[in-house]
C-alpha atoms as a PDB file:
ATOM      1  CA  MET A   1      97.202  95.999 132.807  1.00  0.00           C
ATOM      2  CA  ILE A   2      97.564  92.705 130.994  1.00  0.00           C
ATOM      3  CA  LYS A   3      97.045  92.979 127.155  1.00  0.00           C
ATOM      4  CA  TYR A   4      95.515  90.301 125.185  1.00  0.00           C
ATOM      5  CA  PHE A   5      95.543  91.635 121.522  1.00  0.00           C
ATOM      6  CA  SER A   6      98.302  88.893 120.439  1.00  0.00           C
ATOM      7  CA  ILE A   7      95.834  86.432 121.644  1.00  0.00           C
ATOM      8  CA  LEU A   8      93.036  87.566 120.153  1.00  0.00           C
ATOM      9  CA  LEU A   9      94.650  88.052 116.954  1.00  0.00           C
ATOM     10  CA  LEU A  10      95.047  84.291 116.690  1.00  0.00           C
ATOM     11  CA  CYS A  11      91.141  84.061 116.909  1.00  0.00           C
ATOM     12  CA  LEU A  12      90.529  86.041 113.649  1.00  0.00           C
ATOM     13  CA  PRO A  13      90.090  82.763 111.455  1.00  0.00           C
ATOM     14  CA  LEU A  14      87.391  81.989 114.005  1.00  0.00           C
ATOM     15  CA  LEU A  15      85.200  85.039 113.120  1.00  0.00           C
ATOM     16  CA  ALA A  16      81.959  84.061 110.947  1.00  0.00           C
ATOM     17  CA  SER A  17      78.603  85.359 110.500  1.00  0.00           C
ATOM     18  CA  ALA A  18      76.975  82.896 108.290  1.00  0.00           C
ATOM     19  CA  THR A  19      74.676  79.964 109.378  1.00  0.00           C
ATOM     20  CA  VAL A  20      75.971  76.626 107.934  1.00  0.00           C
ATOM     21  CA  THR A  21      73.081  74.062 107.128  1.00  0.00           C
ATOM     22  CA  SER A  22      74.022  70.660 108.131  1.00  0.00           C
ATOM     23  CA  ASN A  23      73.295  67.454 106.771  1.00  0.00           C
ATOM     24  CA  TYR A  24      72.986  65.819 110.095  1.00  0.00           C
ATOM     25  CA  ASP A  25      69.785  64.401 111.407  1.00  0.00           C
ATOM     26  CA  SER A  26      68.051  66.756 113.611  1.00  0.00           C
ATOM     27  CA  SER A  27      66.396  63.928 115.497  1.00  0.00           C
ATOM     28  CA  THR A  28      69.877  62.366 116.129  1.00  0.00           C
ATOM     29  CA  LEU A  29      71.016  65.856 117.186  1.00  0.00           C
ATOM     30  CA  GLN A  30      68.258  66.331 119.826  1.00  0.00           C
ATOM     31  CA  THR A  31      69.492  62.956 121.342  1.00  0.00           C
ATOM     32  CA  ARG A  32      73.016  64.254 121.605  1.00  0.00           C
ATOM     33  CA  ILE A  33      71.822  67.505 123.207  1.00  0.00           C
ATOM     34  CA  ASN A  34      69.826  65.665 125.810  1.00  0.00           C
ATOM     35  CA  THR A  35      72.860  63.592 126.702  1.00  0.00           C
ATOM     36  CA  ILE A  36      74.917  66.788 127.194  1.00  0.00           C
ATOM     37  CA  GLN A  37      71.796  68.179 129.466  1.00  0.00           C
ATOM     38  CA  SER A  38      71.858  65.239 131.389  1.00  0.00           C
ATOM     39  CA  GLY A  39      75.370  65.427 132.474  1.00  0.00           C
ATOM     40  CA  LYS A  40      76.487  62.056 131.073  1.00  0.00           C
ATOM     41  CA  SER A  41      78.128  63.182 127.928  1.00  0.00           C
ATOM     42  CA  ASN A  42      81.848  61.985 127.454  1.00  0.00           C
ATOM     43  CA  HIS A  43      84.645  62.055 124.988  1.00  0.00           C
ATOM     44  CA  ALA A  44      83.071  60.242 122.536  1.00  0.00           C
ATOM     45  CA  ASP A  45      80.509  63.079 122.725  1.00  0.00           C
ATOM     46  CA  ARG A  46      82.804  65.542 122.214  1.00  0.00           C
ATOM     47  CA  LYS A  47      84.397  63.860 119.181  1.00  0.00           C
ATOM     48  CA  TYR A  48      81.084  63.593 117.623  1.00  0.00           C
ATOM     49  CA  TRP A  49      80.204  67.474 118.225  1.00  0.00           C
ATOM     50  CA  HIS A  50      83.767  68.324 116.927  1.00  0.00           C
ATOM     51  CA  HIS A  51      83.091  66.657 113.763  1.00  0.00           C
ATOM     52  CA  LEU A  52      79.868  68.810 113.577  1.00  0.00           C
ATOM     53  CA  LEU A  53      80.927  72.061 114.453  1.00  0.00           C
ATOM     54  CA  LYS A  54      84.553  71.893 113.498  1.00  0.00           C
ATOM     55  CA  TRP A  55      85.934  74.005 116.406  1.00  0.00           C
ATOM     56  CA  SER A  56      89.360  75.062 116.252  1.00  0.00           C
ATOM     57  CA  ASP A  57      92.410  72.439 116.444  1.00  0.00           C
ATOM     58  CA  ARG A  58      93.924  75.105 118.998  1.00  0.00           C
ATOM     59  CA  CYS A  59      91.108  74.826 121.239  1.00  0.00           C
ATOM     60  CA  GLU A  60      90.777  70.745 120.830  1.00  0.00           C
ATOM     61  CA  SER A  61      94.663  70.544 121.315  1.00  0.00           C
ATOM     62  CA  ALA A  62      94.273  72.791 124.577  1.00  0.00           C
ATOM     63  CA  PHE A  63      91.473  70.489 125.816  1.00  0.00           C
ATOM     64  CA  GLN A  64      93.267  67.145 125.242  1.00  0.00           C
ATOM     65  CA  SER A  65      96.439  68.524 126.904  1.00  0.00           C
ATOM     66  CA  SER A  66      94.423  69.440 130.044  1.00  0.00           C
ATOM     67  CA  PRO A  67      94.437  66.585 132.493  1.00  0.00           C
ATOM     68  CA  GLU A  68      92.128  68.508 134.933  1.00  0.00           C
ATOM     69  CA  LEU A  69      89.320  68.279 132.402  1.00  0.00           C
ATOM     70  CA  HIS A  70      89.717  64.631 131.818  1.00  0.00           C
ATOM     71  CA  SER A  71      88.976  64.165 135.426  1.00  0.00           C
ATOM     72  CA  LEU A  72      85.631  66.192 135.390  1.00  0.00           C
ATOM     73  CA  GLN A  73      82.912  63.604 136.938  1.00  0.00           C
ATOM     74  CA  ASP A  74      79.755  65.675 135.756  1.00  0.00           C
ATOM     75  CA  ASN A  75      80.828  66.218 132.213  1.00  0.00           C
ATOM     76  CA  ASN A  76      84.027  65.180 130.755  1.00  0.00           C
ATOM     77  CA  SER A  77      83.268  65.990 127.417  1.00  0.00           C
ATOM     78  CA  GLY A  78      83.681  69.797 128.069  1.00  0.00           C
ATOM     79  CA  LEU A  79      80.441  70.585 126.653  1.00  0.00           C
ATOM     80  CA  LYS A  80      77.497  72.569 127.886  1.00  0.00           C
ATOM     81  CA  ILE A  81      74.294  73.476 126.712  1.00  0.00           C
ATOM     82  CA  TYR A  82      71.785  76.757 127.328  1.00  0.00           C
ATOM     83  CA  PRO A  83      68.513  75.947 125.904  1.00  0.00           C
ATOM     84  CA  ALA A  84      67.120  78.796 124.081  1.00  0.00           C
ATOM     85  CA  GLN A  85      63.506  78.919 121.884  1.00  0.00           C
ATOM     86  CA  ASN A  86      62.232  76.716 119.481  1.00  0.00           C
ATOM     87  CA  LYS A  87      64.689  74.182 119.515  1.00  0.00           C
ATOM     88  CA  ASN A  88      67.463  76.642 119.407  1.00  0.00           C
ATOM     89  CA  TYR A  89      70.597  75.927 121.527  1.00  0.00           C
ATOM     90  CA  ILE A  90      73.812  77.697 122.448  1.00  0.00           C
ATOM     91  CA  ILE A  91      76.578  75.002 123.007  1.00  0.00           C
ATOM     92  CA  ARG A  92      79.888  76.145 125.182  1.00  0.00           C
ATOM     93  CA  ILE A  93      82.999  74.427 124.276  1.00  0.00           C
ATOM     94  CA  THR A  94      85.521  74.429 127.096  1.00  0.00           C
ATOM     95  CA  CYS A  95      89.114  74.443 125.311  1.00  0.00           C
ATOM     96  CA  ALA A  96      91.151  74.722 128.559  1.00  0.00           C
ATOM     97  CA  LEU A  97      90.564  75.604 132.326  1.00  0.00           C
ATOM     98  CA  GLY A  98      93.917  77.151 133.019  1.00  0.00           C
ATOM     99  CA  ILE A  99      95.515  77.817 136.438  1.00  0.00           C
ATOM    100  CA  TYR A 100      92.694  80.322 137.283  1.00  0.00           C
ATOM    101  CA  GLN A 101      90.592  80.391 134.261  1.00  0.00           C
ATOM    102  CA  GLY A 102      90.540  79.179 130.722  1.00  0.00           C
ATOM    103  CA  TYR A 103      88.735  79.780 127.555  1.00  0.00           C
ATOM    104  CA  GLN A 104      85.825  78.325 125.240  1.00  0.00           C
ATOM    105  CA  GLN A 105      84.103  78.711 122.092  1.00  0.00           C
ATOM    106  CA  PHE A 106      80.347  79.008 121.763  1.00  0.00           C
ATOM    107  CA  TYR A 107      78.158  77.735 118.757  1.00  0.00           C
ATOM    108  CA  HIS A 108      74.472  78.423 118.106  1.00  0.00           C
ATOM    109  CA  VAL A 109      72.567  75.142 116.732  1.00  0.00           C
ATOM    110  CA  SER A 110      68.748  75.301 115.325  1.00  0.00           C
ATOM    111  CA  LEU A 111      66.975  72.105 114.787  1.00  0.00           C
ATOM    112  CA  SER A 112      63.840  73.969 113.445  1.00  0.00           C
ATOM    113  CA  ASP A 113      61.861  72.744 110.660  1.00  0.00           C
ATOM    114  CA  ASP A 114      64.029  69.377 110.653  1.00  0.00           C
ATOM    115  CA  LYS A 115      66.954  71.300 109.292  1.00  0.00           C
ATOM    116  CA  VAL A 116      70.283  71.662 111.385  1.00  0.00           C
ATOM    117  CA  GLY A 117      71.713  75.179 111.174  1.00  0.00           C
ATOM    118  CA  VAL A 118      75.251  75.596 113.064  1.00  0.00           C
ATOM    119  CA  LYS A 119      76.877  79.287 113.555  1.00  0.00           C
ATOM    120  CA  PRO A 120      80.020  79.956 115.531  1.00  0.00           C
ATOM    121  CA  LEU A 121      79.279  82.719 117.788  1.00  0.00           C
ATOM    122  CA  VAL A 122      81.474  86.011 117.644  1.00  0.00           C
ATOM    123  CA  PHE A 123      81.639  87.702 120.857  1.00  0.00           C
ATOM    124  CA  PRO A 124      82.759  91.813 121.313  1.00  0.00           C
ATOM    125  CA  ILE A 125      85.533  91.937 123.904  1.00  0.00           C
ATOM    126  CA  TYR A 126      86.204  95.070 125.698  1.00  0.00           C
ATOM    127  CA  GLU A 127      89.442  96.316 127.470  1.00  0.00           C
ATOM    128  CA  MET A 128      90.276  99.672 128.976  1.00  0.00           C
ATOM    129  CA  THR A 129      93.298 101.587 128.274  1.00  0.00           C
ATOM    130  CA  ASN A 130      95.603 103.549 130.792  1.00  0.00           C
ATOM    131  CA  SER A 131      93.786 106.591 129.366  1.00  0.00           C
ATOM    132  CA  LYS A 132      90.321 105.163 130.673  1.00  0.00           C
ATOM    133  CA  GLN A 133      89.320 104.396 126.873  1.00  0.00           C
ATOM    134  CA  VAL A 134      87.631 101.359 126.268  1.00  0.00           C
ATOM    135  CA  LEU A 135      88.285  99.428 123.325  1.00  0.00           C
ATOM    136  CA  LYS A 136      86.500  96.872 121.356  1.00  0.00           C
ATOM    137  CA  THR A 137      87.625  93.911 119.476  1.00  0.00           C
ATOM    138  CA  LEU A 138      85.951  90.620 118.173  1.00  0.00           C
ATOM    139  CA  SER A 139      86.536  87.055 118.780  1.00  0.00           C
ATOM    140  CA  GLY A 140      85.460  83.873 118.513  1.00  0.00           C
ATOM    141  CA  GLU A 141      87.258  82.746 121.498  1.00  0.00           C
ATOM    142  CA  VAL A 142      86.430  83.808 125.093  1.00  0.00           C
ATOM    143  CA  TRP A 143      88.524  84.121 127.857  1.00  0.00           C
ATOM    144  CA  GLY A 144      87.565  83.977 131.441  1.00  0.00           C
ATOM    145  CA  ASN A 145      85.150  82.231 133.873  1.00  0.00           C
ATOM    146  CA  VAL A 146      81.584  81.584 132.707  1.00  0.00           C
ATOM    147  CA  LEU A 147      79.351  82.351 135.810  1.00  0.00           C
ATOM    148  CA  LYS A 148      76.790  79.479 136.725  1.00  0.00           C
ATOM    149  CA  THR A 149      74.098  81.598 136.918  1.00  0.00           C
ATOM    150  CA  SER A 150      74.456  82.176 132.866  1.00  0.00           C
ATOM    151  CA  ASP A 151      72.098  81.201 130.436  1.00  0.00           C
ATOM    152  CA  TYR A 152      71.720  82.170 126.731  1.00  0.00           C
ATOM    153  CA  LYS A 153      69.860  85.549 127.470  1.00  0.00           C
ATOM    154  CA  ASN A 154      72.410  86.656 130.205  1.00  0.00           C
ATOM    155  CA  LEU A 155      75.874  85.234 129.546  1.00  0.00           C
ATOM    156  CA  THR A 156      78.559  86.686 132.007  1.00  0.00           C
ATOM    157  CA  ILE A 157      82.183  86.429 131.697  1.00  0.00           C
ATOM    158  CA  VAL A 158      84.668  87.284 134.281  1.00  0.00           C
ATOM    159  CA  ASN A 159      88.056  87.812 132.737  1.00  0.00           C
ATOM    160  CA  LEU A 160      90.738  87.881 135.494  1.00  0.00           C
ATOM    161  CA  TYR A 161      94.271  89.822 134.736  1.00  0.00           C
ATOM    162  CA  SER A 162      95.632  87.988 137.832  1.00  0.00           C
ATOM    163  CA  GLY A 163      95.241  84.999 140.000  1.00  0.00           C
ATOM    164  CA  TYR A 164      94.971  86.898 142.932  1.00  0.00           C
ATOM    165  CA  GLY A 165      91.573  88.427 141.437  1.00  0.00           C
ATOM    166  CA  ASN A 166      91.528  92.008 142.558  1.00  0.00           C
ATOM    167  CA  CYS A 167      91.509  93.063 138.725  1.00  0.00           C
ATOM    168  CA  GLY A 168      89.915  92.083 135.591  1.00  0.00           C
ATOM    169  CA  SER A 169      86.700  92.615 133.676  1.00  0.00           C
ATOM    170  CA  SER A 170      83.287  91.375 133.793  1.00  0.00           C
ATOM    171  CA  THR A 171      81.197  91.199 130.842  1.00  0.00           C
ATOM    172  CA  THR A 172      77.234  90.116 130.477  1.00  0.00           C
ATOM    173  CA  TYR A 173      76.283  89.588 126.952  1.00  0.00           C
ATOM    174  CA  GLN A 174      72.978  88.652 125.453  1.00  0.00           C
ATOM    175  CA  ILE A 175      72.058  86.265 122.520  1.00  0.00           C
ATOM    176  CA  ILE A 176      69.369  86.799 120.065  1.00  0.00           C
ATOM    177  CA  ASN A 177      68.801  84.628 116.958  1.00  0.00           C
ATOM    178  CA  ALA A 178      72.593  83.941 117.241  1.00  0.00           C
ATOM    179  CA  ASP A 179      73.889  87.395 117.360  1.00  0.00           C
ATOM    180  CA  VAL A 180      75.965  88.750 120.328  1.00  0.00           C
ATOM    181  CA  SER A 181      75.589  91.911 122.080  1.00  0.00           C
ATOM    182  CA  ALA A 182      77.274  93.195 125.484  1.00  0.00           C
ATOM    183  CA  ILE A 183      74.577  94.813 127.817  1.00  0.00           C
ATOM    184  CA  LYS A 184      76.739  95.467 130.841  1.00  0.00           C
ATOM    185  CA  PHE A 185      80.755  96.023 131.208  1.00  0.00           C
ATOM    186  CA  LEU A 186      82.445  96.266 134.579  1.00  0.00           C
ATOM    187  CA  THR A 187      86.296  96.506 134.914  1.00  0.00           C
ATOM    188  CA  GLN A 188      89.089  96.948 137.482  1.00  0.00           C
ATOM    189  CA  PRO A 189      92.154  97.033 135.037  1.00  0.00           C
ATOM    190  CA  ASP A 190      94.984  98.114 137.930  1.00  0.00           C
ATOM    191  CA  CYS A 191      96.196  94.779 139.107  1.00  0.00           C
ATOM    192  CA  LYS A 192      98.271  96.814 141.697  1.00  0.00           C
ATOM    193  CA  LEU A 193      95.389  97.961 143.665  1.00  0.00           C
ATOM    194  CA  LYS A 194      95.942  95.593 146.297  1.00  0.00           C
ATOM    195  CA  ARG A 195      92.538  97.233 148.216  1.00  0.00           C
ATOM    196  CA  ALA A 196      90.464  96.611 145.068  1.00  0.00           C
ATOM    197  CA  SER A 197      87.633  94.422 145.291  1.00  0.00           C
ATOM    198  CA  ARG A 198      87.669  90.744 144.635  1.00  0.00           C
ATOM    199  CA  ASP A 199      84.164  90.660 143.771  1.00  0.00           C
ATOM    200  CA  PRO A 200      83.467  91.648 140.185  1.00  0.00           C
ATOM    201  CA  LYS A 201      80.289  92.821 140.901  1.00  0.00           C
ATOM    202  CA  GLN A 202      81.794  95.641 142.857  1.00  0.00           C
ATOM    203  CA  TRP A 203      84.180  96.917 139.956  1.00  0.00           C
ATOM    204  CA  PRO A 204      83.271 100.032 138.299  1.00  0.00           C
ATOM    205  CA  GLU A 205      80.761  99.992 135.285  1.00  0.00           C
ATOM    206  CA  TYR A 206      81.675 101.738 132.100  1.00  0.00           C
ATOM    207  CA  PRO A 207      79.526 102.597 128.724  1.00  0.00           C
ATOM    208  CA  ILE A 208      79.932 100.092 126.180  1.00  0.00           C
ATOM    209  CA  PRO A 209      81.257 101.523 123.057  1.00  0.00           C
ATOM    210  CA  ASN A 210      79.538 100.812 119.624  1.00  0.00           C
END
Protein backbone atom coordinates (compact mmCIF):
# COMPACT_ATOMS: atom_id res chain seq x y z
CA MET A 1 0.00 0.00 0.00
CA ILE A 2 1.31 3.39 -0.95
CA LYS A 3 1.75 5.81 1.92
CA TYR A 4 1.04 9.49 1.65
CA PHE A 5 2.01 10.78 5.09
CA SER A 6 5.15 12.50 3.78
CA ILE A 7 2.99 14.35 1.27
CA LEU A 8 0.38 15.26 3.84
CA LEU A 9 2.98 16.68 6.19
CA LEU A 10 3.87 19.19 3.50
CA CYS A 11 0.28 20.37 3.59
CA LEU A 12 0.19 21.33 7.27
CA PRO A 13 0.77 25.06 6.66
CA LEU A 14 -2.40 25.04 4.54
CA LEU A 15 -4.63 24.06 7.43
CA ALA A 16 -6.83 26.88 8.63
CA SER A 17 -10.25 27.29 10.20
CA ALA A 18 -10.99 31.01 10.24
CA THR A 19 -12.81 32.86 7.50
CA VAL A 20 -10.92 35.91 6.26
CA THR A 21 -12.91 38.94 5.20
CA SER A 22 -11.57 40.44 1.98
CA ASN A 23 -11.72 44.02 0.74
CA TYR A 24 -12.59 42.81 -2.76
CA ASP A 25 -15.83 44.13 -4.22
CA SER A 26 -18.53 41.45 -4.16
CA SER A 27 -20.11 42.52 -7.45
CA THR A 28 -16.75 42.23 -9.21
CA LEU A 29 -16.22 38.80 -7.72
CA GLN A 30 -19.67 37.71 -8.84
CA THR A 31 -18.72 38.62 -12.39
CA ARG A 32 -15.50 36.63 -12.04
CA ILE A 33 -17.44 33.66 -10.71
CA ASN A 34 -19.84 33.85 -13.63
CA THR A 35 -16.86 33.73 -16.00
CA ILE A 36 -15.63 30.49 -14.44
CA GLN A 37 -19.12 28.99 -14.61
CA SER A 38 -19.36 29.88 -18.29
CA GLY A 39 -16.19 27.85 -19.01
CA LYS A 40 -14.41 30.89 -20.46
CA SER A 41 -11.92 31.63 -17.70
CA ASN A 42 -8.25 31.90 -18.61
CA HIS A 43 -4.83 32.35 -17.04
CA ALA A 44 -5.55 36.00 -16.26
CA ASP A 45 -8.53 34.84 -14.20
CA ARG A 46 -6.35 32.34 -12.39
CA LYS A 47 -3.88 35.11 -11.52
CA TYR A 48 -6.73 37.22 -10.15
CA TRP A 49 -8.04 34.41 -7.94
CA HIS A 50 -4.55 33.45 -6.82
CA HIS A 51 -4.07 36.98 -5.52
CA LEU A 52 -7.37 36.76 -3.63
CA LEU A 53 -7.31 33.20 -2.29
CA LYS A 54 -3.53 32.92 -1.87
CA TRP A 55 -3.26 29.20 -2.46
CA SER A 56 0.13 27.64 -1.93
CA ASP A 57 3.17 28.40 -4.09
CA ARG A 58 3.64 24.64 -4.36
CA CYS A 59 0.25 24.30 -6.00
CA GLU A 60 0.83 27.18 -8.38
CA SER A 61 4.29 25.96 -9.38
CA ALA A 62 2.84 22.54 -10.15
CA PHE A 63 0.17 24.10 -12.36
CA GLN A 64 2.62 26.30 -14.23
CA SER A 65 4.88 23.33 -14.93
CA SER A 66 2.01 21.13 -16.24
CA PRO A 67 1.76 21.71 -20.01
CA GLU A 68 -1.29 19.44 -20.26
CA LEU A 69 -3.26 21.90 -18.13
CA HIS A 70 -2.37 24.82 -20.36
CA SER A 71 -3.83 23.01 -23.36
CA LEU A 72 -7.28 22.51 -21.85
CA GLN A 73 -9.86 24.12 -24.11
CA ASP A 74 -12.86 24.38 -21.79
CA ASN A 75 -11.19 25.91 -18.76
CA ASN A 76 -7.48 26.60 -19.05
CA SER A 77 -7.51 28.49 -15.74
CA GLY A 78 -7.72 25.22 -13.79
CA LEU A 79 -10.64 26.62 -11.77
CA LYS A 80 -14.10 25.18 -11.18
CA ILE A 81 -17.07 26.57 -9.24
CA TYR A 82 -19.60 24.58 -7.21
CA PRO A 83 -22.52 26.91 -6.34
CA ALA A 84 -23.92 26.49 -2.85
CA GLN A 85 -26.69 28.69 -1.39
CA ASN A 86 -27.17 32.40 -0.78
CA LYS A 87 -24.16 33.48 -2.84
CA ASN A 88 -21.85 30.90 -1.28
CA TYR A 89 -19.47 29.01 -3.54
CA ILE A 90 -16.86 26.28 -3.41
CA ILE A 91 -13.92 26.95 -5.73
CA ARG A 92 -11.68 24.07 -6.81
CA ILE A 93 -8.15 25.01 -7.79
CA THR A 94 -6.40 22.35 -9.84
CA CYS A 95 -2.71 22.19 -9.00
CA ALA A 96 -1.61 19.35 -11.30
CA LEU A 97 -3.13 16.49 -13.27
CA GLY A 98 -0.25 14.06 -12.90
CA ILE A 99 0.13 10.86 -14.92
CA TYR A 100 -3.20 9.37 -13.86
CA GLN A 101 -4.34 11.76 -11.18
CA GLY A 102 -3.32 15.03 -9.61
CA TYR A 103 -4.20 17.17 -6.66
CA GLN A 104 -6.20 20.29 -5.89
CA GLN A 105 -7.13 22.79 -3.21
CA PHE A 106 -10.62 24.07 -2.33
CA TYR A 107 -11.88 27.37 -0.95
CA HIS A 108 -15.23 28.56 0.34
CA VAL A 109 -16.18 32.04 -0.91
CA SER A 110 -19.14 33.94 0.49
CA LEU A 111 -20.57 37.07 -1.11
CA SER A 112 -23.47 37.52 1.27
CA ASP A 113 -24.27 40.96 2.75
CA ASP A 114 -21.92 42.60 0.25
CA LYS A 115 -18.95 41.23 2.17
CA VAL A 116 -16.46 38.81 0.72
CA GLY A 117 -15.53 35.94 3.02
CA VAL A 118 -12.75 33.50 2.05
CA LYS A 119 -11.91 30.26 3.83
CA PRO A 120 -9.57 27.46 2.75
CA LEU A 121 -11.21 24.06 3.17
CA VAL A 122 -9.59 21.33 5.22
CA PHE A 123 -10.37 17.73 4.31
CA PRO A 124 -10.19 14.61 6.47
CA ILE A 125 -8.09 12.08 4.56
CA TYR A 126 -8.45 8.37 5.29
CA GLU A 127 -6.10 5.47 4.67
CA MET A 128 -6.23 1.84 5.72
CA THR A 129 -3.22 0.21 7.37
CA ASN A 130 -2.11 -3.40 6.90
CA SER A 131 -3.94 -4.24 10.14
CA LYS A 132 -7.24 -3.03 8.62
CA GLN A 133 -7.30 0.11 10.74
CA VAL A 134 -8.56 3.29 9.09
CA LEU A 135 -6.35 6.26 9.92
CA LYS A 136 -7.37 9.90 9.61
CA THR A 137 -5.25 12.93 8.78
CA LEU A 138 -6.16 16.48 7.77
CA SER A 139 -4.99 18.29 4.67
CA GLY A 140 -5.66 21.38 2.60
CA GLU A 141 -4.44 19.53 -0.50
CA VAL A 142 -6.53 16.67 -1.85
CA TRP A 143 -4.97 14.01 -4.08
CA GLY A 144 -7.16 12.14 -6.53
CA ASN A 145 -9.71 12.60 -9.27
CA VAL A 146 -12.86 14.58 -8.48
CA LEU A 147 -15.85 12.85 -10.04
CA LYS A 148 -17.79 14.93 -12.57
CA THR A 149 -21.01 14.19 -10.69
CA SER A 150 -19.69 16.08 -7.66
CA ASP A 151 -21.22 19.21 -6.21
CA TYR A 152 -20.78 21.04 -2.93
CA LYS A 153 -23.21 18.65 -1.20
CA ASN A 154 -21.60 15.42 -2.38
CA LEU A 155 -17.99 15.80 -3.44
CA THR A 156 -16.46 12.43 -4.34
CA ILE A 157 -12.71 12.05 -4.76
CA VAL A 158 -11.07 8.83 -5.97
CA ASN A 159 -7.44 8.50 -4.93
CA LEU A 160 -5.76 5.77 -7.00
CA TYR A 161 -2.70 4.01 -5.63
CA SER A 162 -1.56 2.74 -9.03
CA GLY A 163 -2.02 3.55 -12.68
CA TYR A 164 -3.76 0.21 -13.22
CA GLY A 165 -6.65 1.46 -11.11
CA ASN A 166 -7.35 -1.70 -9.11
CA CYS A 167 -6.50 -0.14 -5.74
CA GLY A 168 -7.05 3.12 -3.92
CA SER A 169 -9.78 4.87 -1.99
CA SER A 170 -13.01 6.70 -2.75
CA THR A 171 -14.24 9.28 -0.27
CA THR A 172 -17.47 11.24 -0.51
CA TYR A 173 -17.54 14.53 1.36
CA GLN A 174 -20.30 16.87 2.41
CA ILE A 175 -19.62 20.60 2.76
CA ILE A 176 -21.86 22.65 5.04
CA ASN A 177 -21.01 26.27 5.90
CA ALA A 178 -17.41 25.74 4.82
CA ASP A 179 -17.03 22.70 7.11
CA VAL A 180 -16.01 19.45 5.43
CA SER A 181 -17.07 16.02 6.67
CA ALA A 182 -16.78 12.58 5.13
CA ILE A 183 -19.99 10.61 4.66
CA LYS A 184 -18.72 7.54 2.77
CA PHE A 185 -15.36 5.80 2.54
CA LEU A 186 -14.54 2.87 0.24
CA THR A 187 -11.10 1.40 -0.24
CA GLN A 188 -9.19 -1.41 -1.91
CA PRO A 189 -5.68 -0.89 -0.48
CA ASP A 190 -3.93 -3.99 -1.86
CA CYS A 191 -2.50 -3.22 -5.30
CA LYS A 192 -1.29 -6.82 -5.69
CA LEU A 193 -4.83 -8.11 -6.09
CA LYS A 194 -5.00 -8.09 -9.88
CA ARG A 195 -8.55 -9.43 -9.83
CA ALA A 196 -9.76 -6.55 -7.71
CA SER A 197 -12.36 -4.35 -9.33
CA ARG A 198 -11.22 -1.24 -11.15
CA ASP A 199 -14.57 0.35 -10.38
CA PRO A 200 -14.23 2.29 -7.09
CA LYS A 201 -17.97 1.87 -6.49
CA GLN A 202 -17.31 -1.88 -6.07
CA TRP A 203 -14.64 -1.46 -3.39
CA PRO A 204 -15.50 -2.41 0.20
CA GLU A 205 -17.01 0.31 2.39
CA TYR A 206 -15.60 0.92 5.87
CA PRO A 207 -16.83 2.93 8.86
CA ILE A 208 -15.50 6.47 9.02
CA PRO A 209 -13.50 7.11 12.21
CA ASN A 210 -14.16 10.23 14.27
